[in-house]
């Protein structure tokens, strides 16, 4: 795989996986809020966030979920992959300084439709913070 071409459908095998990790920073949260328009004070205001069930600021769930897109678009299957659907279950908060690792694993290949079903989870350490499943369209050699 080079920087402009990902894996072909024929290269995928069930169980194949790839990951991407990033430490979430204050800058990431502020920039995501500005870009997305989600200025919920639980993400931006420590005094407010301390009054919530989280007892402090948390990162936007979709910021962490975006790391799944990083894996799909750059590693597995990689460039050329088209996102068709994504389910997400947010299981635990992510905080400034946490390193989030998005892991994608091939669960099923639907050759006739040029699609793959992928398990898409995010972890902080060993703790699953997001569990999900994606359906993607993958280029074929044919």
C-alpha atoms as a PDB file:
ATOM      1  CA  UNK A   1       0.000   0.000   0.000  1.00  0.00           C
ATOM      2  CA  UNK A   2       1.304   3.460  -0.855  1.00  0.00           C
ATOM      3  CA  UNK A   3       0.022   6.858   0.269  1.00  0.00           C
ATOM      4  CA  UNK A   4      -2.530   7.149  -2.546  1.00  0.00           C
ATOM      5  CA  UNK A   5      -3.874   3.613  -2.798  1.00  0.00           C
ATOM      6  CA  UNK A   6      -5.200   1.437  -0.003  1.00  0.00           C
ATOM      7  CA  UNK A   7      -5.859  -2.254   0.060  1.00  0.00           C
ATOM      8  CA  UNK A   8      -8.137  -3.852  -2.474  1.00  0.00           C
ATOM      9  CA  UNK A   9     -11.121  -5.915  -1.408  1.00  0.00           C
ATOM     10  CA  UNK A  10      -9.199  -9.012  -2.518  1.00  0.00           C
ATOM     11  CA  UNK A  11      -6.411  -8.162  -0.022  1.00  0.00           C
ATOM     12  CA  UNK A  12      -8.726  -8.217   3.005  1.00  0.00           C
ATOM     13  CA  UNK A  13      -9.070 -11.220   5.285  1.00  0.00           C
ATOM     14  CA  UNK A  14     -11.327 -11.727   8.272  1.00  0.00           C
ATOM     15  CA  UNK A  15      -9.387 -10.908  11.448  1.00  0.00           C
ATOM     16  CA  UNK A  16      -7.052  -8.422   9.751  1.00  0.00           C
ATOM     17  CA  UNK A  17      -6.638  -5.300  11.880  1.00  0.00           C
ATOM     18  CA  UNK A  18      -4.993  -1.901  12.100  1.00  0.00           C
ATOM     19  CA  UNK A  19      -4.934   0.889  14.660  1.00  0.00           C
ATOM     20  CA  UNK A  20      -4.173   4.561  15.240  1.00  0.00           C
ATOM     21  CA  UNK A  21      -3.426   6.245  18.547  1.00  0.00           C
ATOM     22  CA  UNK A  22      -3.479   9.894  19.586  1.00  0.00           C
ATOM     23  CA  UNK A  23      -3.201  11.706  22.902  1.00  0.00           C
ATOM     24  CA  UNK A  24      -6.100  14.144  23.241  1.00  0.00           C
ATOM     25  CA  UNK A  25      -4.995  17.688  24.055  1.00  0.00           C
ATOM     26  CA  UNK A  26      -6.685  20.886  25.188  1.00  0.00           C
ATOM     27  CA  UNK A  27      -6.025  22.252  21.695  1.00  0.00           C
ATOM     28  CA  UNK A  28      -7.757  19.259  20.078  1.00  0.00           C
ATOM     29  CA  UNK A  29     -10.906  19.860  22.148  1.00  0.00           C
ATOM     30  CA  UNK A  30     -10.996  23.620  21.537  1.00  0.00           C
ATOM     31  CA  UNK A  31     -10.370  23.192  17.807  1.00  0.00           C
ATOM     32  CA  UNK A  32     -13.006  20.458  17.515  1.00  0.00           C
ATOM     33  CA  UNK A  33     -15.517  22.691  19.307  1.00  0.00           C
ATOM     34  CA  UNK A  34     -14.746  25.529  16.919  1.00  0.00           C
ATOM     35  CA  UNK A  35     -14.860  23.352  13.819  1.00  0.00           C
ATOM     36  CA  UNK A  36     -18.004  21.417  14.757  1.00  0.00           C
ATOM     37  CA  UNK A  37     -19.874  24.166  16.599  1.00  0.00           C
ATOM     38  CA  UNK A  38     -20.343  21.847  19.606  1.00  0.00           C
ATOM     39  CA  UNK A  39     -19.567  24.224  22.460  1.00  0.00           C
ATOM     40  CA  UNK A  40     -21.248  22.156  25.172  1.00  0.00           C
ATOM     41  CA  UNK A  41     -19.666  23.425  28.411  1.00  0.00           C
ATOM     42  CA  UNK A  42     -18.936  19.860  29.558  1.00  0.00           C
ATOM     43  CA  UNK A  43     -16.122  19.997  26.997  1.00  0.00           C
ATOM     44  CA  UNK A  44     -14.941  23.573  27.499  1.00  0.00           C
ATOM     45  CA  UNK A  45     -15.776  24.844  30.995  1.00  0.00           C
ATOM     46  CA  UNK A  46     -14.111  23.150  33.974  1.00  0.00           C
ATOM     47  CA  UNK A  47     -16.366  24.816  36.581  1.00  0.00           C
ATOM     48  CA  UNK A  48     -19.485  23.666  34.784  1.00  0.00           C
ATOM     49  CA  UNK A  49     -18.084  20.201  34.012  1.00  0.00           C
ATOM     50  CA  UNK A  50     -17.298  19.627  37.704  1.00  0.00           C
ATOM     51  CA  UNK A  51     -21.055  19.822  38.427  1.00  0.00           C
ATOM     52  CA  UNK A  52     -21.823  16.965  36.012  1.00  0.00           C
ATOM     53  CA  UNK A  53     -21.676  13.205  36.464  1.00  0.00           C
ATOM     54  CA  UNK A  54     -18.201  13.341  34.858  1.00  0.00           C
ATOM     55  CA  UNK A  55     -16.813  15.637  37.594  1.00  0.00           C
ATOM     56  CA  UNK A  56     -14.622  17.399  35.042  1.00  0.00           C
ATOM     57  CA  UNK A  57     -14.172  18.164  31.379  1.00  0.00           C
ATOM     58  CA  UNK A  58     -14.432  15.420  28.797  1.00  0.00           C
ATOM     59  CA  UNK A  59     -13.548  15.263  25.119  1.00  0.00           C
ATOM     60  CA  UNK A  60     -16.263  15.250  22.488  1.00  0.00           C
ATOM     61  CA  UNK A  61     -17.275  11.675  21.739  1.00  0.00           C
ATOM     62  CA  UNK A  62     -17.123  12.370  18.026  1.00  0.00           C
ATOM     63  CA  UNK A  63     -13.534  13.610  18.350  1.00  0.00           C
ATOM     64  CA  UNK A  64     -12.481  10.157  19.531  1.00  0.00           C
ATOM     65  CA  UNK A  65     -14.773   8.481  16.989  1.00  0.00           C
ATOM     66  CA  UNK A  66     -12.969  10.467  14.298  1.00  0.00           C
ATOM     67  CA  UNK A  67      -9.874   8.369  14.961  1.00  0.00           C
ATOM     68  CA  UNK A  68     -11.793   5.401  13.528  1.00  0.00           C
ATOM     69  CA  UNK A  69     -12.105   7.352  10.289  1.00  0.00           C
ATOM     70  CA  UNK A  70      -8.329   7.862  10.378  1.00  0.00           C
ATOM     71  CA  UNK A  71      -7.787   4.099  10.397  1.00  0.00           C
ATOM     72  CA  UNK A  72     -10.338   3.475   7.642  1.00  0.00           C
ATOM     73  CA  UNK A  73      -9.031   6.196   5.357  1.00  0.00           C
ATOM     74  CA  UNK A  74      -5.299   5.735   5.867  1.00  0.00           C
ATOM     75  CA  UNK A  75      -4.593   2.174   7.041  1.00  0.00           C
ATOM     76  CA  UNK A  76      -7.346  -0.430   6.757  1.00  0.00           C
ATOM     77  CA  UNK A  77      -8.600  -0.621   4.107  1.00  0.00           C
ATOM     78  CA  UNK A  78      -6.931   2.759   3.439  1.00  0.00           C
ATOM     79  CA  UNK A  79      -7.169   5.358   0.673  1.00  0.00           C
ATOM     80  CA  UNK A  80     -10.091   4.744  -1.661  1.00  0.00           C
ATOM     81  CA  UNK A  81     -12.324   3.364   1.091  1.00  0.00           C
ATOM     82  CA  UNK A  82     -15.842   4.841   1.193  1.00  0.00           C
ATOM     83  CA  UNK A  83     -17.679   4.994   4.532  1.00  0.00           C
ATOM     84  CA  UNK A  84     -21.273   3.745   4.190  1.00  0.00           C
ATOM     85  CA  UNK A  85     -22.389   3.468   7.816  1.00  0.00           C
ATOM     86  CA  UNK A  86     -21.126   3.538  11.375  1.00  0.00           C
ATOM     87  CA  UNK A  87     -22.730   2.548  14.673  1.00  0.00           C
ATOM     88  CA  UNK A  88     -21.210   3.815  17.912  1.00  0.00           C
ATOM     89  CA  UNK A  89     -21.756   3.102  21.583  1.00  0.00           C
ATOM     90  CA  UNK A  90     -20.010   5.552  23.918  1.00  0.00           C
ATOM     91  CA  UNK A  91     -18.976   3.509  26.943  1.00  0.00           C
ATOM     92  CA  UNK A  92     -16.673   5.781  28.961  1.00  0.00           C
ATOM     93  CA  UNK A  93     -15.445   9.377  28.852  1.00  0.00           C
ATOM     94  CA  UNK A  94     -12.154  10.505  27.342  1.00  0.00           C
ATOM     95  CA  UNK A  95     -10.262  13.271  29.121  1.00  0.00           C
ATOM     96  CA  UNK A  96      -7.470  15.664  28.199  1.00  0.00           C
ATOM     97  CA  UNK A  97      -4.210  13.710  28.311  1.00  0.00           C
ATOM     98  CA  UNK A  98      -5.792  10.330  27.534  1.00  0.00           C
ATOM     99  CA  UNK A  99      -4.295   8.409  24.636  1.00  0.00           C
ATOM    100  CA  UNK A 100      -7.097   7.017  22.502  1.00  0.00           C
ATOM    101  CA  UNK A 101      -6.309   4.044  20.270  1.00  0.00           C
ATOM    102  CA  UNK A 102      -8.796   3.298  17.509  1.00  0.00           C
ATOM    103  CA  UNK A 103      -8.706  -0.326  16.384  1.00  0.00           C
ATOM    104  CA  UNK A 104     -10.433  -1.627  13.267  1.00  0.00           C
ATOM    105  CA  UNK A 105     -10.837  -5.334  12.542  1.00  0.00           C
ATOM    106  CA  UNK A 106     -12.312  -7.009   9.474  1.00  0.00           C
ATOM    107  CA  UNK A 107     -15.359  -9.067  10.519  1.00  0.00           C
ATOM    108  CA  UNK A 108     -16.984  -9.920   7.190  1.00  0.00           C
ATOM    109  CA  UNK A 109     -16.295  -9.452   3.488  1.00  0.00           C
ATOM    110  CA  UNK A 110     -19.217  -9.156   1.064  1.00  0.00           C
ATOM    111  CA  UNK A 111     -17.408  -9.614  -2.243  1.00  0.00           C
ATOM    112  CA  UNK A 112     -20.493  -9.333  -4.476  1.00  0.00           C
ATOM    113  CA  UNK A 113     -21.168  -5.820  -3.170  1.00  0.00           C
ATOM    114  CA  UNK A 114     -17.507  -4.795  -2.699  1.00  0.00           C
ATOM    115  CA  UNK A 115     -18.171  -4.171   0.972  1.00  0.00           C
ATOM    116  CA  UNK A 116     -16.582  -5.039   4.281  1.00  0.00           C
ATOM    117  CA  UNK A 117     -18.065  -5.050   7.771  1.00  0.00           C
ATOM    118  CA  UNK A 118     -15.562  -3.888  10.369  1.00  0.00           C
ATOM    119  CA  UNK A 119     -15.483  -3.884  14.146  1.00  0.00           C
ATOM    120  CA  UNK A 120     -14.489  -0.353  15.191  1.00  0.00           C
ATOM    121  CA  UNK A 121     -13.477   0.200  18.808  1.00  0.00           C
ATOM    122  CA  UNK A 122     -11.585   2.900  20.672  1.00  0.00           C
ATOM    123  CA  UNK A 123      -9.582   2.261  23.820  1.00  0.00           C
ATOM    124  CA  UNK A 124      -7.891   4.250  26.548  1.00  0.00           C
ATOM    125  CA  UNK A 125      -5.402   1.709  27.830  1.00  0.00           C
ATOM    126  CA  UNK A 126      -7.320  -1.565  28.099  1.00  0.00           C
ATOM    127  CA  UNK A 127     -10.676   0.169  28.623  1.00  0.00           C
ATOM    128  CA  UNK A 128     -13.056   0.261  25.664  1.00  0.00           C
ATOM    129  CA  UNK A 129     -14.443   3.809  25.452  1.00  0.00           C
ATOM    130  CA  UNK A 130     -16.285   3.427  22.124  1.00  0.00           C
ATOM    131  CA  UNK A 131     -17.629   0.217  20.590  1.00  0.00           C
ATOM    132  CA  UNK A 132     -18.955   0.145  17.064  1.00  0.00           C
ATOM    133  CA  UNK A 133     -19.298  -1.351  13.643  1.00  0.00           C
ATOM    134  CA  UNK A 134     -18.733   0.170  10.224  1.00  0.00           C
ATOM    135  CA  UNK A 135     -19.721  -0.832   6.712  1.00  0.00           C
ATOM    136  CA  UNK A 136     -17.380   0.375   3.989  1.00  0.00           C
ATOM    137  CA  UNK A 137     -17.087   0.071   0.237  1.00  0.00           C
ATOM    138  CA  UNK A 138     -13.645  -1.107  -0.805  1.00  0.00           C
ATOM    139  CA  UNK A 139     -12.095  -0.784  -4.277  1.00  0.00           C
ATOM    140  CA  UNK A 140     -11.661  -4.045  -6.162  1.00  0.00           C
ATOM    141  CA  UNK A 141      -8.943  -5.033  -8.606  1.00  0.00           C
ATOM    142  CA  UNK A 142     -11.668  -6.314 -10.939  1.00  0.00           C
END
